[in-house]
N, C-alpha and C. Protein backbone atom coordinates (compact mmCIF):
# COMPACT_ATOMS: atom_id res chain seq x y z
N MET A 1 -117.93 91.02 -13.01
CA MET A 1 -118.28 92.37 -12.63
C MET A 1 -117.09 93.29 -12.90
N ARG A 2 -117.33 94.38 -13.59
CA ARG A 2 -116.28 95.31 -13.98
C ARG A 2 -116.33 96.53 -13.08
N ASN A 3 -115.32 96.71 -12.21
CA ASN A 3 -115.24 97.88 -11.35
C ASN A 3 -114.60 98.99 -12.16
N PHE A 4 -115.41 99.96 -12.55
CA PHE A 4 -114.95 100.97 -13.48
C PHE A 4 -114.86 102.30 -12.78
N ILE A 5 -113.64 102.80 -12.60
CA ILE A 5 -113.40 104.15 -12.09
C ILE A 5 -112.86 104.92 -13.29
N PRO A 6 -113.68 105.77 -13.90
CA PRO A 6 -113.28 106.38 -15.17
C PRO A 6 -112.16 107.40 -15.02
N ALA A 7 -111.33 107.47 -16.04
CA ALA A 7 -110.32 108.52 -16.13
C ALA A 7 -111.02 109.76 -16.67
N PHE A 8 -110.51 110.90 -16.34
CA PHE A 8 -111.11 112.13 -16.83
C PHE A 8 -110.63 112.38 -18.25
N LEU A 9 -111.57 112.35 -19.19
CA LEU A 9 -111.24 112.59 -20.58
C LEU A 9 -112.04 113.74 -21.17
N GLY A 10 -112.98 114.28 -20.42
CA GLY A 10 -113.76 115.40 -20.89
C GLY A 10 -114.97 115.01 -21.73
N ASN A 11 -114.97 113.86 -22.33
CA ASN A 11 -116.06 113.41 -23.18
C ASN A 11 -116.74 112.23 -22.49
N PHE A 12 -118.02 112.36 -22.20
CA PHE A 12 -118.72 111.31 -21.46
C PHE A 12 -118.68 109.98 -22.20
N ASN A 13 -118.86 109.99 -23.51
CA ASN A 13 -118.83 108.74 -24.28
C ASN A 13 -117.46 108.08 -24.21
N ALA A 14 -116.40 108.87 -24.20
CA ALA A 14 -115.05 108.32 -24.10
C ALA A 14 -114.84 107.68 -22.73
N VAL A 15 -115.41 108.27 -21.68
CA VAL A 15 -115.26 107.73 -20.34
C VAL A 15 -115.89 106.33 -20.26
N LEU A 16 -116.97 106.12 -20.98
CA LEU A 16 -117.61 104.82 -20.97
C LEU A 16 -116.80 103.76 -21.71
N THR A 17 -115.91 104.18 -22.58
CA THR A 17 -115.15 103.25 -23.40
C THR A 17 -113.74 103.02 -22.87
N TYR A 18 -113.09 104.05 -22.40
CA TYR A 18 -111.70 103.96 -22.00
C TYR A 18 -111.55 104.27 -20.52
N GLY A 19 -110.48 103.78 -19.92
CA GLY A 19 -110.22 104.13 -18.54
C GLY A 19 -109.43 103.08 -17.81
N TYR A 20 -109.14 103.37 -16.58
CA TYR A 20 -108.47 102.43 -15.70
C TYR A 20 -109.55 101.69 -14.93
N TYR A 21 -109.51 100.40 -14.99
CA TYR A 21 -110.47 99.60 -14.26
C TYR A 21 -109.86 98.24 -13.95
N PHE A 22 -110.56 97.49 -13.12
CA PHE A 22 -110.14 96.12 -12.83
C PHE A 22 -111.40 95.27 -12.82
N ASP A 23 -111.22 94.01 -13.14
CA ASP A 23 -112.33 93.07 -13.16
C ASP A 23 -111.82 91.72 -12.67
N GLU A 24 -112.58 90.66 -12.94
CA GLU A 24 -112.18 89.34 -12.45
C GLU A 24 -110.93 88.81 -13.14
N GLU A 25 -110.54 89.39 -14.28
CA GLU A 25 -109.33 88.96 -14.99
C GLU A 25 -108.07 89.68 -14.53
N GLY A 26 -108.18 90.98 -14.28
CA GLY A 26 -106.99 91.73 -13.90
C GLY A 26 -107.23 93.23 -13.91
N ILE A 27 -106.13 94.00 -14.13
CA ILE A 27 -106.13 95.45 -14.01
C ILE A 27 -105.68 96.06 -15.33
N THR A 28 -106.40 97.07 -15.82
CA THR A 28 -105.90 97.79 -16.99
C THR A 28 -104.87 98.81 -16.52
N ILE A 29 -103.79 98.93 -17.27
CA ILE A 29 -102.68 99.79 -16.84
C ILE A 29 -102.49 101.01 -17.72
N ASP A 30 -103.27 101.12 -18.78
CA ASP A 30 -103.17 102.30 -19.64
C ASP A 30 -104.51 102.52 -20.33
N LEU A 31 -104.61 103.63 -21.06
CA LEU A 31 -105.88 103.96 -21.70
C LEU A 31 -106.13 103.12 -22.95
N LYS A 32 -105.16 102.32 -23.36
CA LYS A 32 -105.37 101.38 -24.46
C LYS A 32 -105.96 100.07 -23.94
N GLU A 33 -106.25 100.06 -22.66
CA GLU A 33 -106.83 98.91 -21.96
C GLU A 33 -105.93 97.68 -21.99
N THR A 34 -104.63 97.89 -21.91
CA THR A 34 -103.69 96.79 -21.75
C THR A 34 -103.86 96.27 -20.33
N LYS A 35 -103.96 94.96 -20.21
CA LYS A 35 -104.29 94.38 -18.92
C LYS A 35 -103.12 93.60 -18.32
N ILE A 36 -102.96 93.73 -17.01
CA ILE A 36 -102.09 92.85 -16.23
C ILE A 36 -103.04 91.92 -15.49
N TYR A 37 -102.87 90.63 -15.69
CA TYR A 37 -103.76 89.65 -15.07
C TYR A 37 -103.39 89.45 -13.61
N TRP A 38 -104.38 89.08 -12.79
CA TRP A 38 -104.16 88.96 -11.34
C TRP A 38 -103.00 88.03 -11.01
N HIS A 39 -102.86 86.93 -11.73
CA HIS A 39 -101.78 85.99 -11.41
C HIS A 39 -100.40 86.56 -11.72
N GLU A 40 -100.33 87.65 -12.49
CA GLU A 40 -99.05 88.29 -12.82
C GLU A 40 -98.62 89.32 -11.78
N VAL A 41 -99.55 89.77 -10.94
CA VAL A 41 -99.27 90.83 -9.97
C VAL A 41 -98.51 90.27 -8.78
N GLU A 42 -97.42 90.95 -8.44
CA GLU A 42 -96.65 90.58 -7.25
C GLU A 42 -96.98 91.51 -6.08
N GLU A 43 -97.15 92.79 -6.39
CA GLU A 43 -97.39 93.77 -5.33
C GLU A 43 -98.10 94.99 -5.90
N ILE A 44 -98.92 95.63 -5.07
CA ILE A 44 -99.57 96.89 -5.42
C ILE A 44 -99.28 97.86 -4.28
N LYS A 45 -98.78 99.04 -4.63
CA LYS A 45 -98.39 100.02 -3.62
C LYS A 45 -98.93 101.40 -3.95
N PHE A 46 -99.08 102.21 -2.90
CA PHE A 46 -99.38 103.62 -3.04
C PHE A 46 -98.05 104.37 -2.99
N MET A 47 -97.83 105.27 -3.93
CA MET A 47 -96.60 106.07 -3.95
C MET A 47 -96.98 107.55 -3.85
N ASN A 48 -96.25 108.28 -3.01
CA ASN A 48 -96.47 109.71 -2.84
C ASN A 48 -95.12 110.40 -2.86
N GLY A 49 -94.87 111.17 -3.89
CA GLY A 49 -93.61 111.88 -3.99
C GLY A 49 -93.81 113.33 -4.39
N GLN A 50 -93.65 114.23 -3.47
CA GLN A 50 -93.75 115.67 -3.70
C GLN A 50 -95.08 116.05 -4.36
N GLY A 51 -96.17 115.57 -3.80
CA GLY A 51 -97.49 115.90 -4.30
C GLY A 51 -97.94 115.05 -5.47
N TYR A 52 -97.11 114.16 -5.92
CA TYR A 52 -97.40 113.29 -7.06
C TYR A 52 -97.80 111.94 -6.52
N LYS A 53 -99.09 111.62 -6.57
CA LYS A 53 -99.60 110.38 -5.99
C LYS A 53 -99.97 109.40 -7.10
N SER A 54 -99.72 108.14 -6.84
CA SER A 54 -100.08 107.12 -7.83
C SER A 54 -100.22 105.76 -7.17
N THR A 55 -100.93 104.89 -7.86
CA THR A 55 -101.02 103.48 -7.51
C THR A 55 -100.05 102.76 -8.43
N VAL A 56 -99.13 102.02 -7.86
CA VAL A 56 -98.10 101.35 -8.65
C VAL A 56 -98.30 99.84 -8.56
N ILE A 57 -98.34 99.20 -9.73
CA ILE A 57 -98.54 97.76 -9.83
C ILE A 57 -97.22 97.14 -10.26
N TYR A 58 -96.73 96.22 -9.43
CA TYR A 58 -95.48 95.52 -9.72
C TYR A 58 -95.80 94.09 -10.14
N PRO A 59 -95.60 93.77 -11.41
CA PRO A 59 -95.79 92.37 -11.81
C PRO A 59 -94.58 91.53 -11.41
N HIS A 60 -94.78 90.24 -11.28
CA HIS A 60 -93.67 89.33 -10.98
C HIS A 60 -92.71 89.35 -12.17
N TYR A 61 -91.42 89.27 -11.89
CA TYR A 61 -90.41 89.42 -12.94
C TYR A 61 -90.54 88.39 -14.06
N THR A 62 -91.13 87.25 -13.77
CA THR A 62 -91.27 86.22 -14.81
C THR A 62 -92.30 86.61 -15.87
N TYR A 63 -93.12 87.63 -15.61
CA TYR A 63 -94.15 88.06 -16.56
C TYR A 63 -93.80 89.34 -17.30
N HIS A 64 -92.65 89.94 -17.02
CA HIS A 64 -92.29 91.21 -17.65
C HIS A 64 -92.30 91.10 -19.18
N GLU A 65 -91.77 90.03 -19.71
CA GLU A 65 -91.69 89.88 -21.17
C GLU A 65 -93.07 89.71 -21.79
N GLU A 66 -93.94 88.93 -21.17
CA GLU A 66 -95.31 88.76 -21.69
C GLU A 66 -96.06 90.08 -21.72
N ILE A 67 -95.94 90.86 -20.66
CA ILE A 67 -96.61 92.16 -20.58
C ILE A 67 -96.03 93.10 -21.62
N ARG A 68 -94.72 93.07 -21.80
CA ARG A 68 -94.07 93.91 -22.82
C ARG A 68 -94.64 93.61 -24.20
N MET A 69 -94.80 92.35 -24.52
CA MET A 69 -95.34 91.98 -25.83
C MET A 69 -96.79 92.41 -25.99
N ARG A 70 -97.60 92.28 -24.94
CA ARG A 70 -99.00 92.72 -25.00
C ARG A 70 -99.09 94.23 -25.22
N ARG A 71 -98.17 94.98 -24.60
CA ARG A 71 -98.19 96.44 -24.73
C ARG A 71 -97.56 96.91 -26.03
N GLY A 72 -96.77 96.05 -26.68
CA GLY A 72 -96.13 96.44 -27.93
C GLY A 72 -94.95 97.38 -27.71
N LYS A 73 -94.29 97.27 -26.58
CA LYS A 73 -93.14 98.12 -26.25
C LYS A 73 -91.84 97.40 -26.59
N LYS A 74 -90.77 98.18 -26.73
CA LYS A 74 -89.47 97.59 -27.05
C LYS A 74 -88.78 97.01 -25.82
N LEU A 75 -89.00 97.64 -24.67
CA LEU A 75 -88.36 97.18 -23.43
C LEU A 75 -89.41 96.89 -22.37
N PRO A 76 -89.16 95.91 -21.51
CA PRO A 76 -90.11 95.62 -20.42
C PRO A 76 -90.08 96.70 -19.35
N THR A 77 -91.17 96.83 -18.63
CA THR A 77 -91.28 97.79 -17.54
C THR A 77 -91.49 97.03 -16.24
N PRO A 78 -90.66 97.28 -15.21
CA PRO A 78 -90.80 96.53 -13.96
C PRO A 78 -91.98 96.97 -13.10
N ALA A 79 -92.53 98.17 -13.36
CA ALA A 79 -93.66 98.66 -12.57
C ALA A 79 -94.55 99.52 -13.47
N HIS A 80 -95.83 99.52 -13.15
CA HIS A 80 -96.80 100.28 -13.95
C HIS A 80 -97.55 101.22 -13.01
N SER A 81 -97.48 102.51 -13.30
CA SER A 81 -98.04 103.53 -12.44
C SER A 81 -99.35 104.05 -13.01
N ILE A 82 -100.35 104.15 -12.14
CA ILE A 82 -101.62 104.78 -12.49
C ILE A 82 -101.67 106.08 -11.69
N ASP A 83 -101.48 107.19 -12.37
CA ASP A 83 -101.43 108.49 -11.72
C ASP A 83 -102.79 108.89 -11.19
N TRP A 84 -102.82 109.34 -9.95
CA TRP A 84 -104.08 109.69 -9.31
C TRP A 84 -104.75 110.89 -9.97
N ILE A 85 -103.98 111.73 -10.61
CA ILE A 85 -104.56 112.90 -11.26
C ILE A 85 -105.44 112.50 -12.45
N ALA A 86 -105.24 111.30 -12.98
CA ALA A 86 -106.00 110.81 -14.14
C ALA A 86 -107.26 110.06 -13.75
N ILE A 87 -107.50 109.92 -12.45
CA ILE A 87 -108.64 109.13 -11.98
C ILE A 87 -109.60 110.03 -11.22
N GLU A 88 -110.88 109.77 -11.42
CA GLU A 88 -111.91 110.60 -10.81
C GLU A 88 -111.93 110.49 -9.28
N ARG A 89 -111.89 109.27 -8.75
CA ARG A 89 -111.88 109.06 -7.29
C ARG A 89 -110.72 108.13 -6.94
N PRO A 90 -109.51 108.66 -6.85
CA PRO A 90 -108.32 107.82 -6.71
C PRO A 90 -108.24 107.02 -5.42
N LYS A 91 -108.65 107.60 -4.30
CA LYS A 91 -108.58 106.86 -3.03
C LYS A 91 -109.51 105.66 -3.06
N LEU A 92 -110.71 105.85 -3.58
CA LEU A 92 -111.67 104.76 -3.70
C LEU A 92 -111.14 103.70 -4.66
N TYR A 93 -110.58 104.12 -5.79
CA TYR A 93 -110.01 103.18 -6.76
C TYR A 93 -108.92 102.33 -6.10
N HIS A 94 -108.00 102.99 -5.39
CA HIS A 94 -106.88 102.27 -4.75
C HIS A 94 -107.40 101.29 -3.70
N LYS A 95 -108.34 101.74 -2.88
CA LYS A 95 -108.89 100.89 -1.83
C LYS A 95 -109.60 99.67 -2.42
N GLN A 96 -110.43 99.89 -3.45
CA GLN A 96 -111.15 98.79 -4.07
C GLN A 96 -110.21 97.85 -4.83
N LEU A 97 -109.17 98.41 -5.43
CA LEU A 97 -108.18 97.60 -6.14
C LEU A 97 -107.46 96.66 -5.18
N LEU A 98 -107.03 97.19 -4.04
CA LEU A 98 -106.37 96.34 -3.04
C LEU A 98 -107.31 95.27 -2.50
N ALA A 99 -108.57 95.64 -2.29
CA ALA A 99 -109.55 94.66 -1.80
C ALA A 99 -109.79 93.56 -2.84
N ALA A 100 -109.88 93.93 -4.10
CA ALA A 100 -110.08 92.94 -5.17
C ALA A 100 -108.87 92.02 -5.29
N TRP A 101 -107.67 92.59 -5.16
CA TRP A 101 -106.45 91.78 -5.27
C TRP A 101 -106.35 90.81 -4.08
N ASP A 102 -106.67 91.31 -2.88
CA ASP A 102 -106.66 90.44 -1.70
C ASP A 102 -107.68 89.31 -1.84
N LYS A 103 -108.85 89.64 -2.37
CA LYS A 103 -109.89 88.62 -2.58
C LYS A 103 -109.41 87.58 -3.60
N TRP A 104 -108.79 88.03 -4.68
CA TRP A 104 -108.29 87.11 -5.69
C TRP A 104 -107.22 86.19 -5.10
N ARG A 105 -106.28 86.77 -4.32
CA ARG A 105 -105.23 85.96 -3.70
C ARG A 105 -105.82 84.95 -2.72
N GLU A 106 -106.82 85.37 -1.97
CA GLU A 106 -107.46 84.47 -1.01
C GLU A 106 -108.14 83.29 -1.72
N ASN A 107 -108.82 83.58 -2.81
CA ASN A 107 -109.54 82.54 -3.56
C ASN A 107 -108.60 81.62 -4.33
N ASN A 108 -107.41 82.08 -4.66
CA ASN A 108 -106.50 81.30 -5.50
C ASN A 108 -105.27 80.81 -4.75
N SER A 109 -105.27 80.91 -3.43
CA SER A 109 -104.12 80.45 -2.65
C SER A 109 -104.20 78.97 -2.32
N LYS A 110 -105.28 78.34 -2.68
CA LYS A 110 -105.49 76.93 -2.34
C LYS A 110 -104.73 76.01 -3.24
């Protein structure tokens, strides 16, 4: 099941193709649909700084290099921010993302 909270792109067809979402595999962290898999996530936090709100995903440090290669970047990134201004319903997205991550951790802690 793909929980799709579309990013605002102005074009309805683009919203159906691109966006920030999470599914049973993991979380997309950019509009190129680069994914961080659930087993790579160490922490998910809400950040609020001077009116700038975002959901921040912190992968475990042992996966930084793998994620860097998937993204095609020169340097690894220790945290990935999903800005709330880019999401249609950010509070709902954050709440459902945390619930999905908790469910994944519960199912895979055995």
